[in-house]
């Protein structure tokens, strides 16, 4: 049994040695049943061992030109016919590059990497073209922003007042708010306000406020108002002061907003003849809070009593 196995092994080795290709680079093709020619055998064939001996591992053998193939001088393949894939008939089995696909520098177009074109010379008109493309910067002066002005549009945003709490435009030429800070007085002067109407409690000293406003060139007028002593004379004086042209532009203020809010409500109801809902919404917009503040609620009760007694 061992002898039989040994004879079979020896026979296999002998047959392999006889049928193998023992040719050189020039004489490999005849043993493969092909006509002799100089050069390596393209593709994978029974003579691959000859190919490997001529080209060590890591190197790919070039493919020889055949009828129907691209000439070696062609840099780019022609368009593929319909129904075929790009590059058909160019790359042989077992070969990943071809001498037929070479760029002008001799590098294969199938090699990985980025192929950069040759740099183009820059002419003398390059700078001029770039300047014409983007244009020269213009030297136009900036447009000055107009000064904010009082408008009759109630929905328009009021001018941005500095240090004038709750500043809001009440009507054309008249604004309302709380007692301004020193910078707020300067802001009123800068925006060309002429008169300031101070609504104060009876007996309240207003000498300091008068000096601050008159120092800035503003006309100072004060009116004593109290929920207990609210009368038609006070309401008429307020209506006259906020409508006289000699006082405009006019700024009306008090300490907490209750006195001014109540008088503005009565002005809209009596002088302008608006509805209760409209007059109340306008007074709330100007800072009146009859449902949230105790002092404002007291003034609101006095306003309702005034309307009942005078109408």
C-alpha atoms as a PDB file:
ATOM      1  CA  UNK A   1       0.000   0.000   0.000  1.00  0.00           C
ATOM      2  CA  UNK A   2       2.769   2.438   0.864  1.00  0.00           C
ATOM      3  CA  UNK A   3       4.594   1.525  -2.302  1.00  0.00           C
ATOM      4  CA  UNK A   4       1.531   2.265  -4.405  1.00  0.00           C
ATOM      5  CA  UNK A   5       1.093   5.675  -2.814  1.00  0.00           C
ATOM      6  CA  UNK A   6       4.746   6.471  -3.386  1.00  0.00           C
ATOM      7  CA  UNK A   7       4.514   5.544  -7.075  1.00  0.00           C
ATOM      8  CA  UNK A   8       1.422   7.759  -7.524  1.00  0.00           C
ATOM      9  CA  UNK A   9       3.186  10.709  -5.909  1.00  0.00           C
ATOM     10  CA  UNK A  10       6.259  10.270  -8.127  1.00  0.00           C
ATOM     11  CA  UNK A  11       4.065  10.060 -11.254  1.00  0.00           C
ATOM     12  CA  UNK A  12       2.305  13.278 -10.355  1.00  0.00           C
ATOM     13  CA  UNK A  13       5.577  15.131  -9.915  1.00  0.00           C
ATOM     14  CA  UNK A  14       6.937  13.834 -13.226  1.00  0.00           C
ATOM     15  CA  UNK A  15       3.791  14.814 -15.152  1.00  0.00           C
ATOM     16  CA  UNK A  16       3.857  18.265 -13.652  1.00  0.00           C
ATOM     17  CA  UNK A  17       7.486  18.749 -14.597  1.00  0.00           C
ATOM     18  CA  UNK A  18       6.917  17.602 -18.186  1.00  0.00           C
ATOM     19  CA  UNK A  19       3.808  19.742 -18.792  1.00  0.00           C
ATOM     20  CA  UNK A  20       5.267  22.889 -17.133  1.00  0.00           C
ATOM     21  CA  UNK A  21       6.476  25.855 -19.130  1.00  0.00           C
ATOM     22  CA  UNK A  22      10.249  25.983 -19.044  1.00  0.00           C
ATOM     23  CA  UNK A  23      10.685  28.848 -21.403  1.00  0.00           C
ATOM     24  CA  UNK A  24      12.435  32.128 -21.177  1.00  0.00           C
ATOM     25  CA  UNK A  25      10.988  35.566 -21.877  1.00  0.00           C
ATOM     26  CA  UNK A  26      11.590  35.145 -25.646  1.00  0.00           C
ATOM     27  CA  UNK A  27      10.539  31.468 -26.060  1.00  0.00           C
ATOM     28  CA  UNK A  28       7.561  31.225 -23.682  1.00  0.00           C
ATOM     29  CA  UNK A  29       4.834  31.641 -26.279  1.00  0.00           C
ATOM     30  CA  UNK A  30       5.607  28.520 -28.428  1.00  0.00           C
ATOM     31  CA  UNK A  31       5.181  26.195 -25.456  1.00  0.00           C
ATOM     32  CA  UNK A  32       1.763  27.788 -24.845  1.00  0.00           C
ATOM     33  CA  UNK A  33       0.583  27.046 -28.355  1.00  0.00           C
ATOM     34  CA  UNK A  34       0.895  30.676 -29.548  1.00  0.00           C
ATOM     35  CA  UNK A  35       3.038  32.228 -32.285  1.00  0.00           C
ATOM     36  CA  UNK A  36       6.399  33.455 -31.062  1.00  0.00           C
ATOM     37  CA  UNK A  37       6.904  37.166 -30.466  1.00  0.00           C
ATOM     38  CA  UNK A  38       9.153  39.293 -28.415  1.00  0.00           C
ATOM     39  CA  UNK A  39       7.695  40.548 -25.137  1.00  0.00           C
ATOM     40  CA  UNK A  40       5.694  39.162 -22.259  1.00  0.00           C
ATOM     41  CA  UNK A  41       2.430  37.336 -22.650  1.00  0.00           C
ATOM     42  CA  UNK A  42      -0.522  39.585 -21.784  1.00  0.00           C
ATOM     43  CA  UNK A  43      -3.285  38.480 -19.497  1.00  0.00           C
ATOM     44  CA  UNK A  44      -3.516  35.390 -17.363  1.00  0.00           C
ATOM     45  CA  UNK A  45      -2.745  32.209 -19.285  1.00  0.00           C
ATOM     46  CA  UNK A  46      -1.101  28.845 -18.638  1.00  0.00           C
ATOM     47  CA  UNK A  47       2.225  30.685 -18.975  1.00  0.00           C
ATOM     48  CA  UNK A  48       1.731  32.992 -16.021  1.00  0.00           C
ATOM     49  CA  UNK A  49       4.876  31.635 -14.402  1.00  0.00           C
ATOM     50  CA  UNK A  50       6.883  33.063 -17.307  1.00  0.00           C
ATOM     51  CA  UNK A  51       5.120  36.374 -16.840  1.00  0.00           C
ATOM     52  CA  UNK A  52       5.895  36.348 -13.124  1.00  0.00           C
ATOM     53  CA  UNK A  53       9.546  35.530 -13.726  1.00  0.00           C
ATOM     54  CA  UNK A  54       9.886  38.432 -16.158  1.00  0.00           C
ATOM     55  CA  UNK A  55       7.959  40.832 -13.966  1.00  0.00           C
ATOM     56  CA  UNK A  56       8.509  40.402 -10.228  1.00  0.00           C
ATOM     57  CA  UNK A  57       5.593  40.719  -7.805  1.00  0.00           C
ATOM     58  CA  UNK A  58       4.324  44.267  -7.407  1.00  0.00           C
ATOM     59  CA  UNK A  59       4.841  45.221 -11.076  1.00  0.00           C
ATOM     60  CA  UNK A  60       2.160  44.998 -13.760  1.00  0.00           C
ATOM     61  CA  UNK A  61       3.122  44.031 -17.263  1.00  0.00           C
ATOM     62  CA  UNK A  62       2.014  46.313 -20.098  1.00  0.00           C
ATOM     63  CA  UNK A  63      -0.486  44.996 -22.618  1.00  0.00           C
ATOM     64  CA  UNK A  64       0.578  44.768 -26.227  1.00  0.00           C
ATOM     65  CA  UNK A  65      -1.544  46.377 -28.915  1.00  0.00           C
ATOM     66  CA  UNK A  66      -3.828  44.088 -30.958  1.00  0.00           C
ATOM     67  CA  UNK A  67      -6.257  44.679 -33.810  1.00  0.00           C
ATOM     68  CA  UNK A  68      -9.214  46.583 -32.465  1.00  0.00           C
ATOM     69  CA  UNK A  69      -7.200  47.964 -29.538  1.00  0.00           C
ATOM     70  CA  UNK A  70      -6.230  51.599 -29.053  1.00  0.00           C
ATOM     71  CA  UNK A  71      -2.805  52.590 -30.345  1.00  0.00           C
ATOM     72  CA  UNK A  72      -0.147  53.315 -27.775  1.00  0.00           C
ATOM     73  CA  UNK A  73      -0.064  56.955 -28.828  1.00  0.00           C
ATOM     74  CA  UNK A  74      -3.715  57.591 -27.925  1.00  0.00           C
ATOM     75  CA  UNK A  75      -4.116  59.430 -24.624  1.00  0.00           C
ATOM     76  CA  UNK A  76      -7.863  58.971 -24.208  1.00  0.00           C
ATOM     77  CA  UNK A  77     -10.193  56.159 -25.321  1.00  0.00           C
ATOM     78  CA  UNK A  78     -12.951  56.826 -27.893  1.00  0.00           C
ATOM     79  CA  UNK A  79     -16.593  56.813 -26.805  1.00  0.00           C
ATOM     80  CA  UNK A  80     -17.861  53.359 -25.928  1.00  0.00           C
ATOM     81  CA  UNK A  81     -20.469  51.911 -28.303  1.00  0.00           C
ATOM     82  CA  UNK A  82     -24.026  51.496 -27.023  1.00  0.00           C
ATOM     83  CA  UNK A  83     -24.458  48.503 -24.753  1.00  0.00           C
ATOM     84  CA  UNK A  84     -20.819  48.345 -23.716  1.00  0.00           C
ATOM     85  CA  UNK A  85     -19.040  49.573 -20.641  1.00  0.00           C
ATOM     86  CA  UNK A  86     -16.410  52.306 -20.593  1.00  0.00           C
ATOM     87  CA  UNK A  87     -12.912  51.003 -21.221  1.00  0.00           C
ATOM     88  CA  UNK A  88     -13.957  47.692 -22.781  1.00  0.00           C
ATOM     89  CA  UNK A  89     -11.162  46.077 -24.758  1.00  0.00           C
ATOM     90  CA  UNK A  90      -8.475  48.210 -23.158  1.00  0.00           C
ATOM     91  CA  UNK A  91      -7.640  46.513 -19.883  1.00  0.00           C
ATOM     92  CA  UNK A  92      -6.926  42.792 -20.091  1.00  0.00           C
ATOM     93  CA  UNK A  93      -7.644  40.229 -17.421  1.00  0.00           C
ATOM     94  CA  UNK A  94      -5.067  40.416 -14.677  1.00  0.00           C
ATOM     95  CA  UNK A  95      -3.879  43.870 -15.695  1.00  0.00           C
ATOM     96  CA  UNK A  96      -4.978  47.068 -13.879  1.00  0.00           C
ATOM     97  CA  UNK A  97      -3.250  49.607 -16.142  1.00  0.00           C
ATOM     98  CA  UNK A  98      -2.474  49.903 -19.823  1.00  0.00           C
ATOM     99  CA  UNK A  99       0.131  51.652 -21.872  1.00  0.00           C
ATOM    100  CA  UNK A 100      -2.724  52.843 -24.100  1.00  0.00           C
ATOM    101  CA  UNK A 101      -4.098  55.082 -21.308  1.00  0.00           C
ATOM    102  CA  UNK A 102      -1.263  57.489 -20.663  1.00  0.00           C
ATOM    103  CA  UNK A 103      -1.309  61.210 -20.070  1.00  0.00           C
ATOM    104  CA  UNK A 104       1.183  63.488 -21.891  1.00  0.00           C
ATOM    105  CA  UNK A 105       3.696  63.009 -19.068  1.00  0.00           C
ATOM    106  CA  UNK A 106       3.639  59.210 -19.487  1.00  0.00           C
ATOM    107  CA  UNK A 107       1.628  58.475 -16.351  1.00  0.00           C
ATOM    108  CA  UNK A 108      -1.263  56.044 -16.553  1.00  0.00           C
ATOM    109  CA  UNK A 109      -4.662  57.673 -16.380  1.00  0.00           C
ATOM    110  CA  UNK A 110      -5.917  54.734 -14.356  1.00  0.00           C
ATOM    111  CA  UNK A 111      -3.431  55.327 -11.547  1.00  0.00           C
ATOM    112  CA  UNK A 112      -4.994  56.627  -8.346  1.00  0.00           C
ATOM    113  CA  UNK A 113      -4.438  60.244  -7.409  1.00  0.00           C
ATOM    114  CA  UNK A 114      -5.238  63.677  -8.729  1.00  0.00           C
ATOM    115  CA  UNK A 115      -4.168  64.595 -12.251  1.00  0.00           C
ATOM    116  CA  UNK A 116      -3.416  68.316 -12.465  1.00  0.00           C
ATOM    117  CA  UNK A 117      -3.295  70.186 -15.720  1.00  0.00           C
ATOM    118  CA  UNK A 118      -0.305  72.267 -16.637  1.00  0.00           C
ATOM    119  CA  UNK A 119      -0.426  75.798 -15.156  1.00  0.00           C
ATOM    120  CA  UNK A 120      -1.491  78.514 -17.531  1.00  0.00           C
ATOM    121  CA  UNK A 121       0.606  81.671 -17.797  1.00  0.00           C
ATOM    122  CA  UNK A 122      -0.845  84.825 -16.244  1.00  0.00           C
ATOM    123  CA  UNK A 123      -1.036  87.693 -18.641  1.00  0.00           C
ATOM    124  CA  UNK A 124      -0.670  91.408 -17.911  1.00  0.00           C
ATOM    125  CA  UNK A 125      -4.481  91.840 -18.062  1.00  0.00           C
ATOM    126  CA  UNK A 126      -5.083  89.525 -15.093  1.00  0.00           C
ATOM    127  CA  UNK A 127      -5.043  92.280 -12.446  1.00  0.00           C
ATOM    128  CA  UNK A 128      -7.202  94.533 -14.576  1.00  0.00           C
ATOM    129  CA  UNK A 129      -9.760  91.747 -15.147  1.00  0.00           C
ATOM    130  CA  UNK A 130      -9.940  91.025 -11.416  1.00  0.00           C
ATOM    131  CA  UNK A 131     -10.452  94.702 -10.682  1.00  0.00           C
ATOM    132  CA  UNK A 132     -13.243  94.949 -13.227  1.00  0.00           C
ATOM    133  CA  UNK A 133     -14.880  91.838 -11.792  1.00  0.00           C
ATOM    134  CA  UNK A 134     -15.223  93.121  -8.221  1.00  0.00           C
ATOM    135  CA  UNK A 135     -15.238  96.848  -8.892  1.00  0.00           C
ATOM    136  CA  UNK A 136     -13.533  99.619  -7.011  1.00  0.00           C
ATOM    137  CA  UNK A 137     -15.013 100.566  -3.623  1.00  0.00           C
ATOM    138  CA  UNK A 138     -17.186 103.624  -3.646  1.00  0.00           C
ATOM    139  CA  UNK A 139     -16.535 106.546  -1.328  1.00  0.00           C
ATOM    140  CA  UNK A 140     -20.146 107.531  -0.639  1.00  0.00           C
ATOM    141  CA  UNK A 141     -20.750 109.224   2.729  1.00  0.00           C
ATOM    142  CA  UNK A 142     -23.059 107.386   5.181  1.00  0.00           C
ATOM    143  CA  UNK A 143     -26.648 108.535   5.302  1.00  0.00           C
ATOM    144  CA  UNK A 144     -27.498 110.274   8.574  1.00  0.00           C
ATOM    145  CA  UNK A 145     -30.398 108.750  10.483  1.00  0.00           C
ATOM    146  CA  UNK A 146     -33.331 111.164  10.839  1.00  0.00           C
ATOM    147  CA  UNK A 147     -34.309 112.359  14.289  1.00  0.00           C
ATOM    148  CA  UNK A 148     -37.340 110.560  15.729  1.00  0.00           C
ATOM    149  CA  UNK A 149     -40.496 112.604  15.645  1.00  0.00           C
ATOM    150  CA  UNK A 150     -43.841 112.351  17.368  1.00  0.00           C
ATOM    151  CA  UNK A 151     -46.506 110.846  15.145  1.00  0.00           C
ATOM    152  CA  UNK A 152     -50.237 110.389  15.452  1.00  0.00           C
ATOM    153  CA  UNK A 153     -49.914 106.697  14.617  1.00  0.00           C
ATOM    154  CA  UNK A 154     -50.588 104.939  17.936  1.00  0.00           C
ATOM    155  CA  UNK A 155     -49.414 101.559  16.593  1.00  0.00           C
ATOM    156  CA  UNK A 156     -46.036 102.932  15.449  1.00  0.00           C
ATOM    157  CA  UNK A 157     -43.128 102.221  17.793  1.00  0.00           C
ATOM    158  CA  UNK A 158     -42.197 105.310  19.831  1.00  0.00           C
ATOM    159  CA  UNK A 159     -38.719 106.822  19.605  1.00  0.00           C
ATOM    160  CA  UNK A 160     -36.198 105.161  21.848  1.00  0.00           C
ATOM    161  CA  UNK A 161     -36.220 107.361  24.945  1.00  0.00           C
ATOM    162  CA  UNK A 162     -33.183 107.316  27.208  1.00  0.00           C
ATOM    163  CA  UNK A 163     -33.898 107.330  30.970  1.00  0.00           C
ATOM    164  CA  UNK A 164     -37.580 108.258  30.530  1.00  0.00           C
ATOM    165  CA  UNK A 165     -39.556 105.413  32.189  1.00  0.00           C
ATOM    166  CA  UNK A 166     -42.754 104.267  30.427  1.00  0.00           C
ATOM    167  CA  UNK A 167     -42.294 106.766  27.623  1.00  0.00           C
ATOM    168  CA  UNK A 168     -45.174 106.555  25.122  1.00  0.00           C
ATOM    169  CA  UNK A 169     -46.760 108.821  22.524  1.00  0.00           C
ATOM    170  CA  UNK A 170     -50.244 109.839  23.706  1.00  0.00           C
ATOM    171  CA  UNK A 171     -51.304 111.959  20.731  1.00  0.00           C
ATOM    172  CA  UNK A 172     -49.736 114.076  18.034  1.00  0.00           C
ATOM    173  CA  UNK A 173     -47.131 116.311  19.648  1.00  0.00           C
ATOM    174  CA  UNK A 174     -47.684 114.934  23.169  1.00  0.00           C
ATOM    175  CA  UNK A 175     -45.887 112.102  25.001  1.00  0.00           C
ATOM    176  CA  UNK A 176     -46.417 110.704  28.494  1.00  0.00           C
ATOM    177  CA  UNK A 177     -44.445 108.738  31.071  1.00  0.00           C
ATOM    178  CA  UNK A 178     -42.988 108.745  34.555  1.00  0.00           C
ATOM    179  CA  UNK A 179     -40.571 111.216  36.118  1.00  0.00           C
ATOM    180  CA  UNK A 180     -37.457 111.298  33.886  1.00  0.00           C
ATOM    181  CA  UNK A 181     -33.903 110.948  35.143  1.00  0.00           C
ATOM    182  CA  UNK A 182     -31.305 113.686  34.461  1.00  0.00           C
ATOM    183  CA  UNK A 183     -30.229 111.991  31.235  1.00  0.00           C
ATOM    184  CA  UNK A 184     -33.906 111.702  30.310  1.00  0.00           C
ATOM    185  CA  UNK A 185     -34.306 115.472  30.678  1.00  0.00           C
ATOM    186  CA  UNK A 186     -31.323 115.919  28.348  1.00  0.00           C
ATOM    187  CA  UNK A 187     -32.963 113.494  25.894  1.00  0.00           C
ATOM    188  CA  UNK A 188     -36.186 115.545  25.903  1.00  0.00           C
ATOM    189  CA  UNK A 189     -34.180 118.679  25.190  1.00  0.00           C
ATOM    190  CA  UNK A 190     -32.268 116.986  22.366  1.00  0.00           C
ATOM    191  CA  UNK A 191     -35.560 115.913  20.780  1.00  0.00           C
ATOM    192  CA  UNK A 192     -36.905 119.462  20.827  1.00  0.00           C
ATOM    193  CA  UNK A 193     -39.574 119.178  23.505  1.00  0.00           C
ATOM    194  CA  UNK A 194     -40.802 122.595  24.539  1.00  0.00           C
ATOM    195  CA  UNK A 195     -42.943 122.102  27.669  1.00  0.00           C
ATOM    196  CA  UNK A 196     -43.146 119.664  30.571  1.00  0.00           C
ATOM    197  CA  UNK A 197     -46.445 119.153  32.466  1.00  0.00           C
ATOM    198  CA  UNK A 198     -45.925 117.778  35.972  1.00  0.00           C
ATOM    199  CA  UNK A 199     -49.024 116.204  37.607  1.00  0.00           C
ATOM    200  CA  UNK A 200     -48.401 116.220  41.353  1.00  0.00           C
ATOM    201  CA  UNK A 201     -50.267 115.694  44.593  1.00  0.00           C
ATOM    202  CA  UNK A 202     -51.551 118.811  46.384  1.00  0.00           C
ATOM    203  CA  UNK A 203     -48.849 120.407  48.536  1.00  0.00           C
ATOM    204  CA  UNK A 204     -45.983 118.409  46.958  1.00  0.00           C
ATOM    205  CA  UNK A 205     -42.784 120.470  46.620  1.00  0.00           C
ATOM    206  CA  UNK A 206     -41.787 120.772  42.953  1.00  0.00           C
ATOM    207  CA  UNK A 207     -38.992 123.357  43.204  1.00  0.00           C
ATOM    208  CA  UNK A 208     -36.222 120.832  42.483  1.00  0.00           C
ATOM    209  CA  UNK A 209     -38.017 119.478  39.424  1.00  0.00           C
ATOM    210  CA  UNK A 210     -38.632 122.998  38.139  1.00  0.00           C
ATOM    211  CA  UNK A 211     -34.925 123.855  38.380  1.00  0.00           C
ATOM    212  CA  UNK A 212     -33.867 120.678  36.549  1.00  0.00           C
ATOM    213  CA  UNK A 213     -36.155 121.291  33.569  1.00  0.00           C
ATOM    214  CA  UNK A 214     -35.646 125.023  33.327  1.00  0.00           C
ATOM    215  CA  UNK A 215     -31.874 124.489  33.468  1.00  0.00           C
ATOM    216  CA  UNK A 216     -32.253 122.535  30.209  1.00  0.00           C
ATOM    217  CA  UNK A 217     -34.349 125.293  28.629  1.00  0.00           C
ATOM    218  CA  UNK A 218     -37.698 123.494  29.002  1.00  0.00           C
ATOM    219  CA  UNK A 219     -40.844 125.287  30.115  1.00  0.00           C
ATOM    220  CA  UNK A 220     -42.134 123.797  33.374  1.00  0.00           C
ATOM    221  CA  UNK A 221     -45.856 123.673  34.226  1.00  0.00           C
ATOM    222  CA  UNK A 222     -47.391 121.816  37.199  1.00  0.00           C
ATOM    223  CA  UNK A 223     -50.977 120.808  37.992  1.00  0.00           C
ATOM    224  CA  UNK A 224     -52.195 119.556  41.377  1.00  0.00           C
ATOM    225  CA  UNK A 225     -54.403 116.472  41.077  1.00  0.00           C
ATOM    226  CA  UNK A 226     -56.001 114.305  43.765  1.00  0.00           C
ATOM    227  CA  UNK A 227     -58.551 111.469  43.531  1.00  0.00           C
ATOM    228  CA  UNK A 228     -60.500 113.083  46.366  1.00  0.00           C
ATOM    229  CA  UNK A 229     -60.583 116.529  44.738  1.00  0.00           C
ATOM    230  CA  UNK A 230     -61.047 115.497  41.097  1.00  0.00           C
ATOM    231  CA  UNK A 231     -63.190 118.190  39.508  1.00  0.00           C
ATOM    232  CA  UNK A 232     -64.287 119.513  36.146  1.00  0.00           C
ATOM    233  CA  UNK A 233     -61.892 122.456  36.485  1.00  0.00           C
ATOM    234  CA  UNK A 234     -58.884 120.096  36.769  1.00  0.00           C
ATOM    235  CA  UNK A 235     -60.062 117.983  33.811  1.00  0.00           C
ATOM    236  CA  UNK A 236     -60.585 121.109  31.671  1.00  0.00           C
ATOM    237  CA  UNK A 237     -57.133 122.494  32.579  1.00  0.00           C
ATOM    238  CA  UNK A 238     -55.512 119.210  31.606  1.00  0.00           C
ATOM    239  CA  UNK A 239     -57.359 119.110  28.269  1.00  0.00           C
ATOM    240  CA  UNK A 240     -56.323 122.708  27.510  1.00  0.00           C
ATOM    241  CA  UNK A 241     -52.630 122.151  28.337  1.00  0.00           C
ATOM    242  CA  UNK A 242     -52.285 119.047  26.118  1.00  0.00           C
ATOM    243  CA  UNK A 243     -53.912 120.751  23.117  1.00  0.00           C
ATOM    244  CA  UNK A 244     -52.427 124.279  23.094  1.00  0.00           C
ATOM    245  CA  UNK A 245     -49.969 124.708  20.235  1.00  0.00           C
ATOM    246  CA  UNK A 246     -47.759 126.956  22.372  1.00  0.00           C
ATOM    247  CA  UNK A 247     -46.973 123.970  24.633  1.00  0.00           C
ATOM    248  CA  UNK A 248     -46.149 121.461  21.887  1.00  0.00           C
ATOM    249  CA  UNK A 249     -44.144 119.286  21.795  1.00  0.00           C
ATOM    250  CA  UNK A 250     -45.263 118.470  25.346  1.00  0.00           C
ATOM    251  CA  UNK A 251     -44.208 115.794  27.834  1.00  0.00           C
ATOM    252  CA  UNK A 252     -46.651 114.815  30.641  1.00  0.00           C
ATOM    253  CA  UNK A 253     -45.519 112.886  33.690  1.00  0.00           C
ATOM    254  CA  UNK A 254     -46.280 112.063  37.315  1.00  0.00           C
ATOM    255  CA  UNK A 255     -44.646 110.000  40.043  1.00  0.00           C
ATOM    256  CA  UNK A 256     -46.531 106.683  39.789  1.00  0.00           C
ATOM    257  CA  UNK A 257     -48.641 106.960  36.632  1.00  0.00           C
ATOM    258  CA  UNK A 258     -52.019 106.924  38.425  1.00  0.00           C
ATOM    259  CA  UNK A 259     -52.802 110.653  38.114  1.00  0.00           C
ATOM    260  CA  UNK A 260     -51.751 110.866  34.450  1.00  0.00           C
ATOM    261  CA  UNK A 261     -53.551 107.608  33.577  1.00  0.00           C
ATOM    262  CA  UNK A 262     -56.860 108.775  35.068  1.00  0.00           C
ATOM    263  CA  UNK A 263     -56.699 112.172  33.368  1.00  0.00           C
ATOM    264  CA  UNK A 264     -55.816 110.615  30.010  1.00  0.00           C
ATOM    265  CA  UNK A 265     -58.857 108.344  30.283  1.00  0.00           C
ATOM    266  CA  UNK A 266     -61.121 111.370  30.947  1.00  0.00           C
ATOM    267  CA  UNK A 267     -59.506 113.295  28.083  1.00  0.00           C
ATOM    268  CA  UNK A 268     -60.227 110.536  25.562  1.00  0.00           C
ATOM    269  CA  UNK A 269     -63.803 110.150  26.847  1.00  0.00           C
ATOM    270  CA  UNK A 270     -64.771 113.846  27.118  1.00  0.00           C
ATOM    271  CA  UNK A 271     -62.505 115.805  24.768  1.00  0.00           C
ATOM    272  CA  UNK A 272     -62.230 113.281  21.921  1.00  0.00           C
ATOM    273  CA  UNK A 273     -65.558 111.519  22.518  1.00  0.00           C
ATOM    274  CA  UNK A 274     -64.214 107.942  22.316  1.00  0.00           C
ATOM    275  CA  UNK A 275     -65.968 104.928  23.808  1.00  0.00           C
ATOM    276  CA  UNK A 276     -65.266 103.613  27.280  1.00  0.00           C
ATOM    277  CA  UNK A 277     -63.422 100.581  25.874  1.00  0.00           C
ATOM    278  CA  UNK A 278     -61.257 102.693  23.555  1.00  0.00           C
ATOM    279  CA  UNK A 279     -60.464 105.303  26.235  1.00  0.00           C
ATOM    280  CA  UNK A 280     -59.561 102.609  28.741  1.00  0.00           C
ATOM    281  CA  UNK A 281     -57.258 100.743  26.313  1.00  0.00           C
ATOM    282  CA  UNK A 282     -55.453 103.989  25.477  1.00  0.00           C
ATOM    283  CA  UNK A 283     -55.008 104.858  29.172  1.00  0.00           C
ATOM    284  CA  UNK A 284     -53.634 101.350  29.852  1.00  0.00           C
ATOM    285  CA  UNK A 285     -51.220 101.751  26.934  1.00  0.00           C
ATOM    286  CA  UNK A 286     -49.947 104.928  28.600  1.00  0.00           C
ATOM    287  CA  UNK A 287     -49.293 103.117  31.902  1.00  0.00           C
ATOM    288  CA  UNK A 288     -52.655 103.138  33.719  1.00  0.00           C
ATOM    289  CA  UNK A 289     -53.188  99.938  35.791  1.00  0.00           C
ATOM    290  CA  UNK A 290     -56.581 100.177  37.534  1.00  0.00           C
ATOM    291  CA  UNK A 291     -56.795  96.428  38.164  1.00  0.00           C
ATOM    292  CA  UNK A 292     -53.257  95.819  39.429  1.00  0.00           C
ATOM    293  CA  UNK A 293     -52.154  98.814  41.504  1.00  0.00           C
ATOM    294  CA  UNK A 294     -53.952 100.146  44.576  1.00  0.00           C
ATOM    295  CA  UNK A 295     -53.211 103.825  43.812  1.00  0.00           C
ATOM    296  CA  UNK A 296     -54.347 103.361  40.217  1.00  0.00           C
ATOM    297  CA  UNK A 297     -57.518 101.632  41.448  1.00  0.00           C
ATOM    298  CA  UNK A 298     -58.272 104.575  43.757  1.00  0.00           C
ATOM    299  CA  UNK A 299     -57.908 106.980  40.839  1.00  0.00           C
ATOM    300  CA  UNK A 300     -60.102 104.733  38.685  1.00  0.00           C
ATOM    301  CA  UNK A 301     -62.913 104.881  41.265  1.00  0.00           C
ATOM    302  CA  UNK A 302     -62.607 108.689  41.364  1.00  0.00           C
ATOM    303  CA  UNK A 303     -62.819 108.805  37.561  1.00  0.00           C
ATOM    304  CA  UNK A 304     -66.024 106.714  37.536  1.00  0.00           C
ATOM    305  CA  UNK A 305     -67.576 108.929  40.217  1.00  0.00           C
ATOM    306  CA  UNK A 306     -66.644 112.028  38.187  1.00  0.00           C
ATOM    307  CA  UNK A 307     -68.383 110.677  35.092  1.00  0.00           C
ATOM    308  CA  UNK A 308     -71.535 109.807  37.037  1.00  0.00           C
ATOM    309  CA  UNK A 309     -71.709 113.253  38.639  1.00  0.00           C
ATOM    310  CA  UNK A 310     -71.025 115.286  35.503  1.00  0.00           C
ATOM    311  CA  UNK A 311     -73.084 113.362  32.944  1.00  0.00           C
END
